[in-house]
Amino acid sequence: MLPWIQTYTSKQFWPLNPKTKDICLLDIVWALSQKCRYTGHCNRFYSILEHSLLVNKFCPNYPLEGLFHDAAEAYLPDVASPLKCLPFMSEFKKIENRILEIIFKKFELTWPLPEEVDLIDKAMVFDERQELMPDWPVDWEIKGPGLGLPPLPKLDPLQAAFSFLRICERNGIK
């Protein structure tokens, strides 16, 4: 029997066999609002959902893809990027990409993830690090200068969830 998780809305979700019928917007929003970026090692709670709202704002051609670019993390643990690059994580990355593909299919978003979204997501790390982790022991080898963001808004999980849901509602995503 395949492993499954119970979601916020009391559904079963099979990470190794994701189906569009099992994807629920509320499950994605709730889970991402509760998970802190950078495995929690920042100077305040900064959710994956807050980050996704910013990526949405800075992706003029693919704002919804920016909004949902980390949505697979609603169903999986958030693994720090440096670990995801290690060879033993290749199967995890395949599972994560398959879930993301199913989510994008469910909400009729452009797949594969557009390069614009990936570039904005990576550039944002520079700005997030500057604000959320002002001291670092070694250089992070971040490519590019960042986006030059103003101070990051401080949204609690419910504020972030309502903001995300408003964007979805305006765009007919349910």
N, C-alpha and C. Protein backbone atom coordinates (compact mmCIF):
# COMPACT_ATOMS: atom_id res chain seq x y z
N MET A 1 0.84 -1.18 0.00
CA MET A 1 0.00 0.00 0.00
C MET A 1 0.89 1.25 0.00
N LEU A 2 0.54 2.21 -0.82
CA LEU A 2 1.31 3.45 -0.91
C LEU A 2 1.09 4.32 0.33
N PRO A 3 2.12 5.06 0.74
CA PRO A 3 1.95 5.96 1.88
C PRO A 3 1.08 7.15 1.48
N TRP A 4 0.30 7.63 2.43
CA TRP A 4 -0.54 8.79 2.21
C TRP A 4 -0.44 9.71 3.41
N ILE A 5 -0.88 10.95 3.22
CA ILE A 5 -0.96 11.90 4.33
C ILE A 5 -2.40 12.37 4.44
N GLN A 6 -2.78 12.78 5.63
CA GLN A 6 -4.09 13.42 5.81
C GLN A 6 -3.88 14.91 5.67
N THR A 7 -4.77 15.54 4.91
CA THR A 7 -4.65 16.98 4.68
C THR A 7 -5.49 17.77 5.68
N TYR A 8 -5.33 19.07 5.64
CA TYR A 8 -6.07 19.98 6.52
C TYR A 8 -7.58 19.77 6.39
N THR A 9 -8.06 19.51 5.17
CA THR A 9 -9.51 19.33 4.95
C THR A 9 -9.93 17.86 5.11
N SER A 10 -9.09 17.08 5.76
CA SER A 10 -9.37 15.68 6.08
C SER A 10 -9.46 14.77 4.86
N LYS A 11 -8.70 15.11 3.85
CA LYS A 11 -8.62 14.24 2.67
C LYS A 11 -7.37 13.36 2.80
N GLN A 12 -7.35 12.29 2.02
CA GLN A 12 -6.15 11.50 1.88
C GLN A 12 -5.43 12.00 0.64
N PHE A 13 -4.11 12.10 0.75
CA PHE A 13 -3.30 12.50 -0.40
C PHE A 13 -2.12 11.54 -0.49
N TRP A 14 -1.92 10.97 -1.69
CA TRP A 14 -0.85 10.01 -1.93
C TRP A 14 0.28 10.71 -2.67
N PRO A 15 1.35 11.12 -1.98
CA PRO A 15 2.46 11.83 -2.63
C PRO A 15 3.13 11.06 -3.77
N LEU A 16 3.10 9.73 -3.70
CA LEU A 16 3.75 8.94 -4.75
C LEU A 16 2.82 8.66 -5.92
N ASN A 17 1.55 9.02 -5.77
CA ASN A 17 0.58 8.81 -6.85
C ASN A 17 -0.45 9.95 -6.82
N PRO A 18 0.01 11.17 -7.06
CA PRO A 18 -0.90 12.31 -6.95
C PRO A 18 -1.91 12.34 -8.09
N LYS A 19 -3.12 12.76 -7.77
CA LYS A 19 -4.20 12.89 -8.76
C LYS A 19 -4.80 14.29 -8.62
N THR A 20 -5.23 14.84 -9.74
CA THR A 20 -5.82 16.19 -9.69
C THR A 20 -7.03 16.23 -8.77
N LYS A 21 -7.81 15.16 -8.71
CA LYS A 21 -9.01 15.14 -7.87
C LYS A 21 -8.67 15.25 -6.38
N ASP A 22 -7.43 14.93 -6.01
CA ASP A 22 -7.03 14.98 -4.60
C ASP A 22 -6.43 16.32 -4.20
N ILE A 23 -6.24 17.21 -5.17
CA ILE A 23 -5.66 18.53 -4.89
C ILE A 23 -6.76 19.46 -4.42
N CYS A 24 -6.52 20.14 -3.33
CA CYS A 24 -7.50 21.06 -2.77
C CYS A 24 -6.80 22.40 -2.47
N LEU A 25 -7.35 23.47 -3.00
CA LEU A 25 -6.76 24.80 -2.81
C LEU A 25 -6.59 25.13 -1.32
N LEU A 26 -7.60 24.86 -0.54
CA LEU A 26 -7.53 25.18 0.89
C LEU A 26 -6.42 24.40 1.59
N ASP A 27 -6.22 23.15 1.19
CA ASP A 27 -5.11 22.37 1.77
C ASP A 27 -3.77 23.01 1.45
N ILE A 28 -3.60 23.45 0.21
CA ILE A 28 -2.35 24.08 -0.20
C ILE A 28 -2.13 25.37 0.59
N VAL A 29 -3.14 26.20 0.63
CA VAL A 29 -3.02 27.50 1.30
C VAL A 29 -2.73 27.32 2.78
N TRP A 30 -3.48 26.45 3.44
CA TRP A 30 -3.29 26.27 4.87
C TRP A 30 -1.89 25.74 5.18
N ALA A 31 -1.49 24.69 4.48
CA ALA A 31 -0.19 24.08 4.77
C ALA A 31 0.96 25.06 4.51
N LEU A 32 0.92 25.78 3.39
CA LEU A 32 2.02 26.70 3.08
C LEU A 32 2.04 27.91 4.01
N SER A 33 0.89 28.26 4.58
CA SER A 33 0.86 29.38 5.54
C SER A 33 1.47 28.97 6.87
N GLN A 34 1.54 27.67 7.12
CA GLN A 34 2.05 27.17 8.40
C GLN A 34 3.52 26.77 8.38
N LYS A 35 4.13 26.75 7.19
CA LYS A 35 5.51 26.30 7.05
C LYS A 35 6.45 27.49 6.87
N CYS A 36 7.49 27.51 7.66
CA CYS A 36 8.47 28.59 7.60
C CYS A 36 9.55 28.28 6.57
N ARG A 37 9.91 29.31 5.79
CA ARG A 37 11.02 29.17 4.83
C ARG A 37 12.33 28.98 5.59
N TYR A 38 13.33 28.53 4.88
CA TYR A 38 14.68 28.35 5.40
C TYR A 38 14.71 27.43 6.61
N THR A 39 13.89 26.42 6.58
CA THR A 39 13.74 25.43 7.65
C THR A 39 13.60 26.08 9.03
N GLY A 40 13.01 27.27 9.04
CA GLY A 40 12.75 27.97 10.29
C GLY A 40 13.91 28.77 10.84
N HIS A 41 15.03 28.79 10.15
CA HIS A 41 16.22 29.46 10.66
C HIS A 41 16.31 30.90 10.19
N CYS A 42 15.27 31.67 10.47
CA CYS A 42 15.31 33.09 10.14
C CYS A 42 14.86 33.88 11.37
N ASN A 43 15.03 35.19 11.31
CA ASN A 43 14.81 35.99 12.51
C ASN A 43 13.34 36.28 12.82
N ARG A 44 12.44 35.79 12.00
CA ARG A 44 11.00 35.84 12.27
C ARG A 44 10.33 34.75 11.44
N PHE A 45 9.09 34.46 11.78
CA PHE A 45 8.34 33.48 10.99
C PHE A 45 8.06 34.10 9.62
N TYR A 46 8.51 33.42 8.58
CA TYR A 46 8.32 33.87 7.19
C TYR A 46 7.86 32.66 6.42
N SER A 47 6.57 32.62 6.14
CA SER A 47 5.99 31.41 5.56
C SER A 47 6.31 31.25 4.08
N ILE A 48 6.19 30.03 3.63
CA ILE A 48 6.32 29.72 2.21
C ILE A 48 5.24 30.48 1.44
N LEU A 49 4.08 30.66 2.08
CA LEU A 49 2.99 31.39 1.43
C LEU A 49 3.35 32.86 1.24
N GLU A 50 3.97 33.49 2.25
CA GLU A 50 4.42 34.88 2.09
C GLU A 50 5.38 35.01 0.91
N HIS A 51 6.32 34.09 0.85
CA HIS A 51 7.29 34.08 -0.25
C HIS A 51 6.56 33.94 -1.59
N SER A 52 5.60 33.04 -1.65
CA SER A 52 4.86 32.82 -2.90
C SER A 52 4.09 34.06 -3.33
N LEU A 53 3.56 34.80 -2.38
CA LEU A 53 2.86 36.05 -2.70
C LEU A 53 3.81 37.06 -3.33
N LEU A 54 5.04 37.10 -2.84
CA LEU A 54 6.02 38.02 -3.43
C LEU A 54 6.45 37.58 -4.82
N VAL A 55 6.66 36.28 -5.01
CA VAL A 55 7.02 35.79 -6.34
C VAL A 55 5.90 36.13 -7.32
N ASN A 56 4.66 35.96 -6.89
CA ASN A 56 3.50 36.33 -7.71
C ASN A 56 3.57 37.79 -8.14
N LYS A 57 3.92 38.64 -7.22
CA LYS A 57 3.95 40.09 -7.48
C LYS A 57 5.02 40.48 -8.50
N PHE A 58 6.12 39.73 -8.54
CA PHE A 58 7.25 40.09 -9.39
C PHE A 58 7.34 39.28 -10.69
N CYS A 59 6.34 38.47 -10.96
CA CYS A 59 6.30 37.71 -12.22
C CYS A 59 5.21 38.29 -13.11
N PRO A 60 5.55 39.29 -13.91
CA PRO A 60 4.51 39.95 -14.71
C PRO A 60 3.86 39.06 -15.76
N ASN A 61 4.60 38.12 -16.30
CA ASN A 61 4.06 37.28 -17.37
C ASN A 61 3.40 35.99 -16.86
N TYR A 62 3.79 35.56 -15.67
CA TYR A 62 3.27 34.31 -15.11
C TYR A 62 2.96 34.47 -13.62
N PRO A 63 2.09 35.40 -13.26
CA PRO A 63 1.85 35.65 -11.83
C PRO A 63 1.25 34.46 -11.08
N LEU A 64 0.34 33.73 -11.71
CA LEU A 64 -0.26 32.59 -11.01
C LEU A 64 0.73 31.44 -10.86
N GLU A 65 1.57 31.25 -11.86
CA GLU A 65 2.62 30.24 -11.74
C GLU A 65 3.58 30.63 -10.62
N GLY A 66 3.86 31.92 -10.48
CA GLY A 66 4.68 32.40 -9.37
C GLY A 66 4.01 32.13 -8.03
N LEU A 67 2.70 32.34 -7.98
CA LEU A 67 1.94 32.11 -6.75
C LEU A 67 2.00 30.64 -6.33
N PHE A 68 1.94 29.73 -7.30
CA PHE A 68 1.87 28.30 -6.99
C PHE A 68 3.21 27.57 -7.12
N HIS A 69 4.30 28.27 -7.36
CA HIS A 69 5.56 27.58 -7.67
C HIS A 69 6.07 26.65 -6.57
N ASP A 70 5.71 26.89 -5.33
CA ASP A 70 6.13 26.02 -4.23
C ASP A 70 4.98 25.17 -3.69
N ALA A 71 3.88 25.09 -4.41
CA ALA A 71 2.68 24.42 -3.90
C ALA A 71 2.88 22.96 -3.55
N ALA A 72 3.81 22.28 -4.18
CA ALA A 72 4.06 20.87 -3.83
C ALA A 72 4.50 20.72 -2.39
N GLU A 73 5.08 21.78 -1.83
CA GLU A 73 5.54 21.73 -0.44
C GLU A 73 4.38 21.67 0.55
N ALA A 74 3.15 21.84 0.06
CA ALA A 74 1.99 21.63 0.92
C ALA A 74 1.84 20.15 1.26
N TYR A 75 2.34 19.30 0.39
CA TYR A 75 2.18 17.86 0.56
C TYR A 75 3.48 17.14 0.91
N LEU A 76 4.56 17.87 0.95
CA LEU A 76 5.88 17.31 1.27
C LEU A 76 6.59 18.22 2.25
N PRO A 77 7.63 17.72 2.89
CA PRO A 77 8.43 18.62 3.72
C PRO A 77 9.20 19.62 2.84
N ASP A 78 9.46 20.79 3.40
CA ASP A 78 10.29 21.77 2.71
C ASP A 78 11.74 21.41 2.98
N VAL A 79 12.42 20.97 1.97
CA VAL A 79 13.82 20.59 2.10
C VAL A 79 14.68 21.77 1.64
N ALA A 80 15.67 22.12 2.43
CA ALA A 80 16.55 23.24 2.10
C ALA A 80 17.22 23.01 0.75
N SER A 81 17.27 24.06 -0.06
CA SER A 81 17.81 23.96 -1.43
C SER A 81 19.18 23.31 -1.51
N PRO A 82 20.12 23.64 -0.62
CA PRO A 82 21.44 22.99 -0.75
C PRO A 82 21.36 21.46 -0.64
N LEU A 83 20.42 20.95 0.16
CA LEU A 83 20.25 19.50 0.27
C LEU A 83 19.61 18.92 -0.98
N LYS A 84 18.67 19.66 -1.58
CA LYS A 84 17.99 19.15 -2.77
C LYS A 84 18.95 18.93 -3.93
N CYS A 85 20.09 19.58 -3.88
CA CYS A 85 21.08 19.45 -4.96
C CYS A 85 21.92 18.19 -4.84
N LEU A 86 21.84 17.50 -3.72
CA LEU A 86 22.66 16.31 -3.51
C LEU A 86 22.08 15.12 -4.27
N PRO A 87 22.95 14.24 -4.77
CA PRO A 87 22.49 13.12 -5.59
C PRO A 87 21.42 12.25 -4.93
N PHE A 88 21.52 12.02 -3.62
CA PHE A 88 20.55 11.14 -2.97
C PHE A 88 19.15 11.73 -2.92
N MET A 89 19.01 13.03 -3.26
CA MET A 89 17.71 13.68 -3.25
C MET A 89 17.01 13.62 -4.61
N SER A 90 17.60 12.98 -5.58
CA SER A 90 17.02 12.99 -6.93
C SER A 90 15.61 12.40 -6.95
N GLU A 91 15.37 11.35 -6.22
CA GLU A 91 14.02 10.75 -6.19
C GLU A 91 13.02 11.69 -5.53
N PHE A 92 13.45 12.35 -4.47
CA PHE A 92 12.58 13.32 -3.80
C PHE A 92 12.19 14.44 -4.77
N LYS A 93 13.16 14.94 -5.52
CA LYS A 93 12.89 16.01 -6.49
C LYS A 93 11.92 15.55 -7.56
N LYS A 94 12.02 14.30 -7.98
CA LYS A 94 11.07 13.76 -8.97
C LYS A 94 9.65 13.73 -8.40
N ILE A 95 9.53 13.30 -7.16
CA ILE A 95 8.22 13.26 -6.50
C ILE A 95 7.66 14.67 -6.38
N GLU A 96 8.49 15.59 -5.94
CA GLU A 96 8.06 16.98 -5.79
C GLU A 96 7.62 17.58 -7.13
N ASN A 97 8.39 17.33 -8.18
CA ASN A 97 8.03 17.86 -9.50
C ASN A 97 6.75 17.23 -10.03
N ARG A 98 6.54 15.96 -9.76
CA ARG A 98 5.30 15.30 -10.22
C ARG A 98 4.09 15.91 -9.51
N ILE A 99 4.20 16.14 -8.21
CA ILE A 99 3.10 16.77 -7.47
C ILE A 99 2.84 18.17 -8.01
N LEU A 100 3.90 18.93 -8.24
CA LEU A 100 3.74 20.29 -8.76
C LEU A 100 3.08 20.26 -10.14
N GLU A 101 3.49 19.32 -10.96
CA GLU A 101 2.89 19.19 -12.29
C GLU A 101 1.38 18.92 -12.19
N ILE A 102 0.98 18.05 -11.27
CA ILE A 102 -0.44 17.73 -11.07
C ILE A 102 -1.20 18.96 -10.56
N ILE A 103 -0.59 19.71 -9.65
CA ILE A 103 -1.21 20.94 -9.15
C ILE A 103 -1.40 21.94 -10.28
N PHE A 104 -0.37 22.11 -11.10
CA PHE A 104 -0.46 23.05 -12.22
C PHE A 104 -1.52 22.58 -13.22
N LYS A 105 -1.64 21.29 -13.42
CA LYS A 105 -2.67 20.76 -14.31
C LYS A 105 -4.05 21.06 -13.72
N LYS A 106 -4.23 20.83 -12.44
CA LYS A 106 -5.52 21.06 -11.77
C LYS A 106 -5.98 22.51 -11.95
N PHE A 107 -5.05 23.45 -11.80
CA PHE A 107 -5.42 24.87 -11.86
C PHE A 107 -5.14 25.50 -13.22
N GLU A 108 -4.84 24.64 -14.21
CA GLU A 108 -4.63 25.07 -15.60
C GLU A 108 -3.55 26.15 -15.72
N LEU A 109 -2.41 25.88 -15.10
CA LEU A 109 -1.26 26.77 -15.14
C LEU A 109 -0.23 26.24 -16.13
N THR A 110 0.66 27.12 -16.56
CA THR A 110 1.69 26.75 -17.54
C THR A 110 2.70 25.77 -16.92
N TRP A 111 2.87 24.65 -17.58
CA TRP A 111 3.85 23.63 -17.17
C TRP A 111 4.68 23.24 -18.38
N PRO A 112 5.98 23.06 -18.26
CA PRO A 112 6.77 23.16 -17.03
C PRO A 112 6.85 24.59 -16.51
N LEU A 113 7.30 24.69 -15.29
CA LEU A 113 7.41 25.98 -14.63
C LEU A 113 8.18 26.94 -15.53
N PRO A 114 7.60 28.10 -15.85
CA PRO A 114 8.29 29.05 -16.72
C PRO A 114 9.61 29.54 -16.12
N GLU A 115 10.58 29.77 -16.97
CA GLU A 115 11.90 30.22 -16.53
C GLU A 115 11.81 31.52 -15.75
N GLU A 116 10.91 32.42 -16.15
CA GLU A 116 10.74 33.70 -15.43
C GLU A 116 10.49 33.46 -13.94
N VAL A 117 9.64 32.50 -13.62
CA VAL A 117 9.31 32.21 -12.23
C VAL A 117 10.54 31.70 -11.49
N ASP A 118 11.26 30.80 -12.12
CA ASP A 118 12.47 30.24 -11.50
C ASP A 118 13.51 31.35 -11.23
N LEU A 119 13.68 32.24 -12.19
CA LEU A 119 14.65 33.33 -12.03
C LEU A 119 14.25 34.29 -10.90
N ILE A 120 12.98 34.64 -10.84
CA ILE A 120 12.49 35.53 -9.77
C ILE A 120 12.63 34.84 -8.42
N ASP A 121 12.26 33.59 -8.36
CA ASP A 121 12.37 32.81 -7.12
C ASP A 121 13.81 32.80 -6.61
N LYS A 122 14.74 32.56 -7.50
CA LYS A 122 16.16 32.52 -7.09
C LYS A 122 16.68 33.91 -6.72
N ALA A 123 16.29 34.94 -7.46
CA ALA A 123 16.74 36.30 -7.16
C ALA A 123 16.21 36.76 -5.80
N MET A 124 15.03 36.33 -5.45
CA MET A 124 14.42 36.74 -4.19
C MET A 124 15.20 36.23 -2.98
N VAL A 125 15.90 35.13 -3.14
CA VAL A 125 16.67 34.56 -2.03
C VAL A 125 17.68 35.59 -1.51
N PHE A 126 18.29 36.36 -2.39
CA PHE A 126 19.26 37.37 -1.96
C PHE A 126 18.59 38.36 -1.01
N ASP A 127 17.44 38.89 -1.41
CA ASP A 127 16.74 39.88 -0.60
C ASP A 127 16.23 39.27 0.71
N GLU A 128 15.72 38.05 0.64
CA GLU A 128 15.23 37.39 1.84
C GLU A 128 16.37 37.16 2.83
N ARG A 129 17.48 36.72 2.33
CA ARG A 129 18.63 36.48 3.21
C ARG A 129 19.06 37.77 3.89
N GLN A 130 19.12 38.86 3.12
CA GLN A 130 19.54 40.15 3.68
C GLN A 130 18.67 40.56 4.87
N GLU A 131 17.38 40.34 4.75
CA GLU A 131 16.46 40.78 5.80
C GLU A 131 16.23 39.75 6.90
N LEU A 132 16.14 38.50 6.51
CA LEU A 132 15.76 37.46 7.48
C LEU A 132 16.94 36.81 8.18
N MET A 133 18.12 36.91 7.58
CA MET A 133 19.33 36.34 8.15
C MET A 133 20.50 37.28 7.89
N PRO A 134 20.53 38.42 8.58
CA PRO A 134 21.53 39.44 8.25
C PRO A 134 22.98 39.02 8.48
N ASP A 135 23.20 38.02 9.30
CA ASP A 135 24.55 37.51 9.53
C ASP A 135 24.63 36.10 8.97
N TRP A 136 25.66 35.81 8.19
CA TRP A 136 25.84 34.46 7.67
C TRP A 136 27.31 34.11 7.73
N PRO A 137 27.61 32.84 8.05
CA PRO A 137 28.99 32.43 8.27
C PRO A 137 29.83 32.37 7.00
N VAL A 138 29.21 32.08 5.87
CA VAL A 138 29.92 32.01 4.59
C VAL A 138 28.98 32.55 3.52
N ASP A 139 29.55 32.88 2.38
CA ASP A 139 28.76 33.36 1.26
C ASP A 139 27.84 32.25 0.77
N TRP A 140 26.62 32.59 0.37
CA TRP A 140 25.65 31.61 -0.08
C TRP A 140 25.79 31.27 -1.56
N GLU A 141 26.71 31.90 -2.23
CA GLU A 141 26.91 31.68 -3.66
C GLU A 141 25.62 31.91 -4.45
N ILE A 142 24.95 32.99 -4.10
CA ILE A 142 23.72 33.37 -4.80
C ILE A 142 24.10 34.09 -6.07
N LYS A 143 23.50 33.67 -7.17
CA LYS A 143 23.78 34.31 -8.45
C LYS A 143 22.85 35.51 -8.62
N GLY A 144 23.42 36.63 -9.03
CA GLY A 144 22.61 37.81 -9.29
C GLY A 144 22.50 38.71 -8.08
N PRO A 145 22.00 39.91 -8.32
CA PRO A 145 21.97 40.92 -7.27
C PRO A 145 20.72 40.92 -6.41
N GLY A 146 19.76 40.08 -6.69
CA GLY A 146 18.49 40.16 -5.99
C GLY A 146 17.56 41.11 -6.72
N LEU A 147 16.43 41.37 -6.11
CA LEU A 147 15.42 42.22 -6.74
C LEU A 147 15.40 43.63 -6.16
N GLY A 148 16.13 43.84 -5.08
CA GLY A 148 16.10 45.14 -4.42
C GLY A 148 14.76 45.40 -3.77
N LEU A 149 14.21 44.38 -3.12
CA LEU A 149 12.91 44.50 -2.48
C LEU A 149 12.94 45.49 -1.33
N PRO A 150 11.83 46.21 -1.12
CA PRO A 150 11.71 46.98 0.12
C PRO A 150 11.59 45.98 1.27
N PRO A 151 11.57 46.46 2.51
CA PRO A 151 11.42 45.51 3.61
C PRO A 151 10.24 44.57 3.36
N LEU A 152 10.45 43.31 3.66
CA LEU A 152 9.41 42.31 3.42
C LEU A 152 8.21 42.59 4.32
N PRO A 153 7.01 42.50 3.75
CA PRO A 153 5.82 42.69 4.60
C PRO A 153 5.77 41.58 5.63
N LYS A 154 5.22 41.89 6.78
CA LYS A 154 5.11 40.89 7.83
C LYS A 154 3.66 40.44 7.91
N LEU A 155 3.39 39.31 7.31
CA LEU A 155 2.03 38.77 7.31
C LEU A 155 1.97 37.57 8.23
N ASP A 156 0.95 37.54 9.08
CA ASP A 156 0.78 36.32 9.87
C ASP A 156 0.14 35.27 8.95
N PRO A 157 0.11 34.02 9.37
CA PRO A 157 -0.39 32.97 8.48
C PRO A 157 -1.79 33.23 7.91
N LEU A 158 -2.70 33.76 8.72
CA LEU A 158 -4.06 34.01 8.22
C LEU A 158 -4.09 35.16 7.21
N GLN A 159 -3.32 36.22 7.46
CA GLN A 159 -3.26 37.31 6.48
C GLN A 159 -2.72 36.81 5.15
N ALA A 160 -1.67 36.01 5.21
CA ALA A 160 -1.10 35.47 3.97
C ALA A 160 -2.11 34.57 3.26
N ALA A 161 -2.81 33.74 4.03
CA ALA A 161 -3.80 32.84 3.44
C ALA A 161 -4.92 33.63 2.75
N PHE A 162 -5.43 34.66 3.40
CA PHE A 162 -6.50 35.47 2.80
C PHE A 162 -6.01 36.18 1.55
N SER A 163 -4.78 36.68 1.58
CA SER A 163 -4.22 37.34 0.39
C SER A 163 -4.11 36.36 -0.77
N PHE A 164 -3.61 35.18 -0.51
CA PHE A 164 -3.47 34.14 -1.53
C PHE A 164 -4.84 33.78 -2.11
N LEU A 165 -5.81 33.56 -1.23
CA LEU A 165 -7.15 33.17 -1.68
C LEU A 165 -7.83 34.28 -2.48
N ARG A 166 -7.60 35.54 -2.10
CA ARG A 166 -8.16 36.67 -2.88
C ARG A 166 -7.63 36.67 -4.31
N ILE A 167 -6.32 36.44 -4.45
CA ILE A 167 -5.72 36.38 -5.79
C ILE A 167 -6.34 35.23 -6.58
N CYS A 168 -6.49 34.10 -5.93
CA CYS A 168 -7.09 32.94 -6.61
C CYS A 168 -8.52 33.26 -7.03
N GLU A 169 -9.29 33.84 -6.13
CA GLU A 169 -10.69 34.16 -6.43
C GLU A 169 -10.78 35.12 -7.63
N ARG A 170 -9.94 36.17 -7.64
CA ARG A 170 -9.96 37.13 -8.75
C ARG A 170 -9.63 36.47 -10.09
N ASN A 171 -8.91 35.34 -10.02
CA ASN A 171 -8.50 34.65 -11.25
C ASN A 171 -9.28 33.38 -11.52
N GLY A 172 -10.37 33.18 -10.80
CA GLY A 172 -11.25 32.03 -11.05
C GLY A 172 -10.69 30.70 -10.61
N ILE A 173 -9.73 30.71 -9.69
CA ILE A 173 -9.17 29.45 -9.17
C ILE A 173 -9.89 29.08 -7.89
N LYS A 174 -10.42 27.85 -7.90
CA LYS A 174 -11.17 27.38 -6.72
C LYS A 174 -10.59 26.07 -6.23
